Amino acid sequence: MQAAPVRATAIPSVSVALRAVESLLMSGGQRTARRNAWTSVLEDRRRAKDRVEALRVFEESVATRTS
C-alpha cells in the first residue's frame, strides 16, 4: 500500500483567497478606493477612541480640582 502524496503547496488563507477574488472582480482603482475607505474607517475609530479617552482624563482632572 502506498502513502498518499504530500501536498507541496500550502492552502491559501481566507484573506488571500478574498483578495484573489477581489482582483478578478474589481479593477485596480476600485480596489484602491475600497482599501482607502477602510483605512479611513479605522482612522475615524481610532480618533473617536482618543476623544473618549481625552474626555475621561479631562473630567477626572476637573473632578480632582473641585474636590
PDB file of N, CA and C in Angstrom:
ATOM      1  N   MET A   1       0.837  -1.172   0.000  1.00  0.00           N
ATOM      2  CA  MET A   1       0.000   0.000   0.000  1.00  0.00           C
ATOM      3  C   MET A   1       0.887   1.242   0.000  1.00  0.00           C
ATOM      4  N   GLN A   2       0.582   2.187  -0.885  1.00  0.00           N
ATOM      5  CA  GLN A   2       1.379   3.407  -0.980  1.00  0.00           C
ATOM      6  C   GLN A   2       0.781   4.510  -0.108  1.00  0.00           C
ATOM      7  N   ALA A   3       1.672   5.382   0.381  1.00  0.00           N
ATOM      8  CA  ALA A   3       1.226   6.526   1.173  1.00  0.00           C
ATOM      9  C   ALA A   3       0.642   7.577   0.239  1.00  0.00           C
ATOM     10  N   ALA A   4      -0.249   8.356   0.762  1.00  0.00           N
ATOM     11  CA  ALA A   4      -0.849   9.431  -0.021  1.00  0.00           C
ATOM     12  C   ALA A   4       0.227  10.462  -0.360  1.00  0.00           C
ATOM     13  N   PRO A   5       0.134  11.056  -1.541  1.00  0.00           N
ATOM     14  CA  PRO A   5       1.147  12.059  -1.910  1.00  0.00           C
ATOM     15  C   PRO A   5       1.066  13.286  -0.993  1.00  0.00           C
ATOM     16  N   VAL A   6       2.214  13.852  -0.746  1.00  0.00           N
ATOM     17  CA  VAL A   6       2.291  15.027   0.120  1.00  0.00           C
ATOM     18  C   VAL A   6       2.036  16.267  -0.723  1.00  0.00           C
ATOM     19  N   ARG A   7       1.193  17.139  -0.225  1.00  0.00           N
ATOM     20  CA  ARG A   7       0.883  18.381  -0.937  1.00  0.00           C
ATOM     21  C   ARG A   7       2.039  19.357  -0.730  1.00  0.00           C
ATOM     22  N   ALA A   8       2.606  19.859  -1.806  1.00  0.00           N
ATOM     23  CA  ALA A   8       3.781  20.723  -1.725  1.00  0.00           C
ATOM     24  C   ALA A   8       3.404  22.185  -1.492  1.00  0.00           C
ATOM     25  N   THR A   9       2.218  22.586  -1.908  1.00  0.00           N
ATOM     26  CA  THR A   9       1.831  23.987  -1.738  1.00  0.00           C
ATOM     27  C   THR A   9       0.860  24.118  -0.583  1.00  0.00           C
ATOM     28  N   ALA A  10       0.974  25.234   0.127  1.00  0.00           N
ATOM     29  CA  ALA A  10       0.094  25.481   1.263  1.00  0.00           C
ATOM     30  C   ALA A  10      -1.265  25.958   0.768  1.00  0.00           C
ATOM     31  N   ILE A  11      -2.301  25.652   1.529  1.00  0.00           N
ATOM     32  CA  ILE A  11      -3.640  26.133   1.213  1.00  0.00           C
ATOM     33  C   ILE A  11      -3.686  27.615   1.584  1.00  0.00           C
ATOM     34  N   PRO A  12      -4.160  28.470   0.677  1.00  0.00           N
ATOM     35  CA  PRO A  12      -4.149  29.911   0.971  1.00  0.00           C
ATOM     36  C   PRO A  12      -5.109  30.259   2.108  1.00  0.00           C
ATOM     37  N   SER A  13      -4.770  31.320   2.803  1.00  0.00           N
ATOM     38  CA  SER A  13      -5.636  31.773   3.894  1.00  0.00           C
ATOM     39  C   SER A  13      -6.888  32.410   3.302  1.00  0.00           C
ATOM     40  N   VAL A  14      -7.853  32.661   4.153  1.00  0.00           N
ATOM     41  CA  VAL A  14      -9.110  33.259   3.705  1.00  0.00           C
ATOM     42  C   VAL A  14      -8.862  34.645   3.123  1.00  0.00           C
ATOM     43  N   SER A  15      -8.004  35.438   3.777  1.00  0.00           N
ATOM     44  CA  SER A  15      -7.753  36.792   3.272  1.00  0.00           C
ATOM     45  C   SER A  15      -7.076  36.762   1.905  1.00  0.00           C
ATOM     46  N   VAL A  16      -6.175  35.816   1.693  1.00  0.00           N
ATOM     47  CA  VAL A  16      -5.521  35.694   0.387  1.00  0.00           C
ATOM     48  C   VAL A  16      -6.548  35.296  -0.668  1.00  0.00           C
ATOM     49  N   ALA A  17      -7.427  34.382  -0.317  1.00  0.00           N
ATOM     50  CA  ALA A  17      -8.460  33.952  -1.262  1.00  0.00           C
ATOM     51  C   ALA A  17      -9.409  35.100  -1.593  1.00  0.00           C
ATOM     52  N   LEU A  18      -9.791  35.887  -0.584  1.00  0.00           N
ATOM     53  CA  LEU A  18     -10.692  37.022  -0.831  1.00  0.00           C
ATOM     54  C   LEU A  18     -10.032  38.076  -1.710  1.00  0.00           C
ATOM     55  N   ARG A  19      -8.749  38.330  -1.494  1.00  0.00           N
ATOM     56  CA  ARG A  19      -8.047  39.297  -2.341  1.00  0.00           C
ATOM     57  C   ARG A  19      -7.949  38.800  -3.776  1.00  0.00           C
ATOM     58  N   ALA A  20      -7.793  37.499  -3.960  1.00  0.00           N
ATOM     59  CA  ALA A  20      -7.736  36.948  -5.311  1.00  0.00           C
ATOM     60  C   ALA A  20      -9.074  37.135  -6.022  1.00  0.00           C
ATOM     61  N   VAL A  21     -10.165  36.863  -5.316  1.00  0.00           N
ATOM     62  CA  VAL A  21     -11.495  37.058  -5.891  1.00  0.00           C
ATOM     63  C   VAL A  21     -11.727  38.533  -6.169  1.00  0.00           C
ATOM     64  N   GLU A  22     -11.311  39.379  -5.248  1.00  0.00           N
ATOM     65  CA  GLU A  22     -11.458  40.826  -5.416  1.00  0.00           C
ATOM     66  C   GLU A  22     -10.716  41.291  -6.659  1.00  0.00           C
ATOM     67  N   SER A  23      -9.518  40.787  -6.872  1.00  0.00           N
ATOM     68  CA  SER A  23      -8.744  41.230  -8.025  1.00  0.00           C
ATOM     69  C   SER A  23      -9.383  40.787  -9.336  1.00  0.00           C
ATOM     70  N   LEU A  24     -10.097  39.678  -9.316  1.00  0.00           N
ATOM     71  CA  LEU A  24     -10.783  39.221 -10.523  1.00  0.00           C
ATOM     72  C   LEU A  24     -12.029  40.054 -10.809  1.00  0.00           C
ATOM     73  N   LEU A  25     -12.723  40.476  -9.758  1.00  0.00           N
ATOM     74  CA  LEU A  25     -13.997  41.161  -9.927  1.00  0.00           C
ATOM     75  C   LEU A  25     -13.878  42.674 -10.066  1.00  0.00           C
ATOM     76  N   MET A  26     -12.858  43.265  -9.487  1.00  0.00           N
ATOM     77  CA  MET A  26     -12.761  44.721  -9.466  1.00  0.00           C
ATOM     78  C   MET A  26     -11.535  45.199 -10.225  1.00  0.00           C
ATOM     79  N   SER A  27     -11.663  46.395 -10.768  1.00  0.00           N
ATOM     80  CA  SER A  27     -10.494  46.994 -11.395  1.00  0.00           C
ATOM     81  C   SER A  27      -9.572  47.523 -10.304  1.00  0.00           C
ATOM     82  N   GLY A  28      -8.354  47.876 -10.671  1.00  0.00           N
ATOM     83  CA  GLY A  28      -7.375  48.348  -9.706  1.00  0.00           C
ATOM     84  C   GLY A  28      -7.828  49.580  -8.955  1.00  0.00           C
ATOM     85  N   GLY A  29      -8.461  50.524  -9.638  1.00  0.00           N
ATOM     86  CA  GLY A  29      -8.916  51.748  -8.988  1.00  0.00           C
ATOM     87  C   GLY A  29      -9.975  51.487  -7.941  1.00  0.00           C
ATOM     88  N   GLN A  30     -10.872  50.563  -8.219  1.00  0.00           N
ATOM     89  CA  GLN A  30     -11.908  50.230  -7.239  1.00  0.00           C
ATOM     90  C   GLN A  30     -11.302  49.588  -5.997  1.00  0.00           C
ATOM     91  N   ARG A  31     -10.326  48.727  -6.198  1.00  0.00           N
ATOM     92  CA  ARG A  31      -9.659  48.092  -5.052  1.00  0.00           C
ATOM     93  C   ARG A  31      -8.978  49.134  -4.189  1.00  0.00           C
ATOM     94  N   THR A  32      -8.285  50.061  -4.848  1.00  0.00           N
ATOM     95  CA  THR A  32      -7.585  51.109  -4.109  1.00  0.00           C
ATOM     96  C   THR A  32      -8.573  51.974  -3.340  1.00  0.00           C
ATOM     97  N   ALA A  33      -9.662  52.346  -3.977  1.00  0.00           N
ATOM     98  CA  ALA A  33     -10.674  53.181  -3.322  1.00  0.00           C
ATOM     99  C   ALA A  33     -11.271  52.446  -2.126  1.00  0.00           C
ATOM    100  N   ARG A  34     -11.540  51.169  -2.275  1.00  0.00           N
ATOM    101  CA  ARG A  34     -12.120  50.395  -1.179  1.00  0.00           C
ATOM    102  C   ARG A  34     -11.159  50.291  -0.004  1.00  0.00           C
ATOM    103  N   ARG A  35      -9.887  50.053  -0.297  1.00  0.00           N
ATOM    104  CA  ARG A  35      -8.896  49.961   0.782  1.00  0.00           C
ATOM    105  C   ARG A  35      -8.702  51.315   1.453  1.00  0.00           C
ATOM    106  N   ASN A  36      -8.707  52.390   0.669  1.00  0.00           N
ATOM    107  CA  ASN A  36      -8.593  53.727   1.254  1.00  0.00           C
ATOM    108  C   ASN A  36      -9.780  54.031   2.156  1.00  0.00           C
ATOM    109  N   ALA A  37     -10.959  53.622   1.733  1.00  0.00           N
ATOM    110  CA  ALA A  37     -12.160  53.842   2.542  1.00  0.00           C
ATOM    111  C   ALA A  37     -12.050  53.078   3.855  1.00  0.00           C
ATOM    112  N   TRP A  38     -11.583  51.856   3.801  1.00  0.00           N
ATOM    113  CA  TRP A  38     -11.452  51.059   5.023  1.00  0.00           C
ATOM    114  C   TRP A  38     -10.408  51.674   5.953  1.00  0.00           C
ATOM    115  N   THR A  39      -9.316  52.167   5.393  1.00  0.00           N
ATOM    116  CA  THR A  39      -8.298  52.834   6.194  1.00  0.00           C
ATOM    117  C   THR A  39      -8.884  54.059   6.888  1.00  0.00           C
ATOM    118  N   SER A  40      -9.740  54.792   6.184  1.00  0.00           N
ATOM    119  CA  SER A  40     -10.397  55.961   6.768  1.00  0.00           C
ATOM    120  C   SER A  40     -11.315  55.561   7.916  1.00  0.00           C
ATOM    121  N   VAL A  41     -12.036  54.469   7.754  1.00  0.00           N
ATOM    122  CA  VAL A  41     -12.920  53.981   8.820  1.00  0.00           C
ATOM    123  C   VAL A  41     -12.097  53.640  10.065  1.00  0.00           C
ATOM    124  N   LEU A  42     -10.992  52.945   9.871  1.00  0.00           N
ATOM    125  CA  LEU A  42     -10.155  52.575  11.009  1.00  0.00           C
ATOM    126  C   LEU A  42      -9.574  53.810  11.697  1.00  0.00           C
ATOM    127  N   GLU A  43      -9.178  54.803  10.903  1.00  0.00           N
ATOM    128  CA  GLU A  43      -8.637  56.043  11.470  1.00  0.00           C
ATOM    129  C   GLU A  43      -9.715  56.804  12.235  1.00  0.00           C
ATOM    130  N   ASP A  44     -10.931  56.849  11.711  1.00  0.00           N
ATOM    131  CA  ASP A  44     -12.042  57.503  12.419  1.00  0.00           C
ATOM    132  C   ASP A  44     -12.318  56.819  13.751  1.00  0.00           C
ATOM    133  N   ARG A  45     -12.270  55.509  13.757  1.00  0.00           N
ATOM    134  CA  ARG A  45     -12.479  54.768  15.011  1.00  0.00           C
ATOM    135  C   ARG A  45     -11.389  55.085  16.026  1.00  0.00           C
ATOM    136  N   ARG A  46     -10.143  55.190  15.547  1.00  0.00           N
ATOM    137  CA  ARG A  46      -9.039  55.498  16.444  1.00  0.00           C
ATOM    138  C   ARG A  46      -9.206  56.897  17.034  1.00  0.00           C
ATOM    139  N   ARG A  47      -9.581  57.862  16.195  1.00  0.00           N
ATOM    140  CA  ARG A  47      -9.787  59.228  16.686  1.00  0.00           C
ATOM    141  C   ARG A  47     -10.938  59.294  17.682  1.00  0.00           C
ATOM    142  N   ALA A  48     -12.003  58.554  17.445  1.00  0.00           N
ATOM    143  CA  ALA A  48     -13.131  58.531  18.380  1.00  0.00           C
ATOM    144  C   ALA A  48     -12.699  57.948  19.721  1.00  0.00           C
ATOM    145  N   LYS A  49     -11.913  56.912  19.677  1.00  0.00           N
ATOM    146  CA  LYS A  49     -11.413  56.302  20.914  1.00  0.00           C
ATOM    147  C   LYS A  49     -10.528  57.298  21.668  1.00  0.00           C
ATOM    148  N   ASP A  50      -9.682  58.027  20.930  1.00  0.00           N
ATOM    149  CA  ASP A  50      -8.825  59.035  21.552  1.00  0.00           C
ATOM    150  C   ASP A  50      -9.653  60.158  22.177  1.00  0.00           C
ATOM    151  N   ARG A  51     -10.736  60.572  21.503  1.00  0.00           N
ATOM    152  CA  ARG A  51     -11.600  61.622  22.057  1.00  0.00           C
ATOM    153  C   ARG A  51     -12.245  61.181  23.360  1.00  0.00           C
ATOM    154  N   VAL A  52     -12.726  59.950  23.399  1.00  0.00           N
ATOM    155  CA  VAL A  52     -13.353  59.421  24.616  1.00  0.00           C
ATOM    156  C   VAL A  52     -12.334  59.395  25.756  1.00  0.00           C
ATOM    157  N   GLU A  53     -11.120  58.958  25.449  1.00  0.00           N
ATOM    158  CA  GLU A  53     -10.078  58.905  26.470  1.00  0.00           C
ATOM    159  C   GLU A  53      -9.709  60.305  26.949  1.00  0.00           C
ATOM    160  N   ALA A  54      -9.589  61.266  26.031  1.00  0.00           N
ATOM    161  CA  ALA A  54      -9.255  62.644  26.416  1.00  0.00           C
ATOM    162  C   ALA A  54     -10.363  63.243  27.284  1.00  0.00           C
ATOM    163  N   LEU A  55     -11.606  62.974  26.951  1.00  0.00           N
ATOM    164  CA  LEU A  55     -12.725  63.481  27.745  1.00  0.00           C
ATOM    165  C   LEU A  55     -12.711  62.893  29.156  1.00  0.00           C
ATOM    166  N   ARG A  56     -12.398  61.605  29.253  1.00  0.00           N
ATOM    167  CA  ARG A  56     -12.323  60.947  30.560  1.00  0.00           C
ATOM    168  C   ARG A  56     -11.233  61.585  31.414  1.00  0.00           C
ATOM    169  N   VAL A  57     -10.065  61.811  30.822  1.00  0.00           N
ATOM    170  CA  VAL A  57      -8.958  62.416  31.566  1.00  0.00           C
ATOM    171  C   VAL A  57      -9.323  63.832  31.991  1.00  0.00           C
ATOM    172  N   PHE A  58      -9.946  64.591  31.095  1.00  0.00           N
ATOM    173  CA  PHE A  58     -10.357  65.959  31.414  1.00  0.00           C
ATOM    174  C   PHE A  58     -11.355  65.975  32.571  1.00  0.00           C
ATOM    175  N   GLU A  59     -12.351  65.102  32.504  1.00  0.00           N
ATOM    176  CA  GLU A  59     -13.369  65.062  33.560  1.00  0.00           C
ATOM    177  C   GLU A  59     -12.755  64.648  34.902  1.00  0.00           C
ATOM    178  N   GLU A  60     -11.787  63.740  34.873  1.00  0.00           N
ATOM    179  CA  GLU A  60     -11.116  63.341  36.111  1.00  0.00           C
ATOM    180  C   GLU A  60     -10.307  64.503  36.690  1.00  0.00           C
ATOM    181  N   SER A  61      -9.649  65.264  35.822  1.00  0.00           N
ATOM    182  CA  SER A  61      -8.849  66.393  36.322  1.00  0.00           C
ATOM    183  C   SER A  61      -9.737  67.485  36.890  1.00  0.00           C
ATOM    184  N   VAL A  62     -10.898  67.737  36.292  1.00  0.00           N
ATOM    185  CA  VAL A  62     -11.835  68.733  36.814  1.00  0.00           C
ATOM    186  C   VAL A  62     -12.397  68.256  38.150  1.00  0.00           C
ATOM    187  N   ALA A  63     -12.709  66.980  38.251  1.00  0.00           N
ATOM    188  CA  ALA A  63     -13.260  66.442  39.499  1.00  0.00           C
ATOM    189  C   ALA A  63     -12.215  66.511  40.606  1.00  0.00           C
ATOM    190  N   THR A  64     -10.956  66.326  40.296  1.00  0.00           N
ATOM    191  CA  THR A  64      -9.887  66.386  41.291  1.00  0.00           C
ATOM    192  C   THR A  64      -9.709  67.815  41.799  1.00  0.00           C
ATOM    193  N   ARG A  65      -9.816  68.791  40.896  1.00  0.00           N
ATOM    194  CA  ARG A  65      -9.633  70.199  41.287  1.00  0.00           C
ATOM    195  C   ARG A  65     -10.780  70.709  42.159  1.00  0.00           C
ATOM    196  N   THR A  66     -11.983  70.223  41.915  1.00  0.00           N
ATOM    197  CA  THR A  66     -13.139  70.696  42.665  1.00  0.00           C
ATOM    198  C   THR A  66     -13.296  70.012  44.016  1.00  0.00           C
ATOM    199  N   SER A  67     -12.580  68.922  44.212  1.00  0.00           N
ATOM    200  CA  SER A  67     -12.701  68.184  45.485  1.00  0.00           C
ATOM    201  C   SER A  67     -11.865  68.786  46.581  1.00  0.00           C
TER     202      SER A  67
END
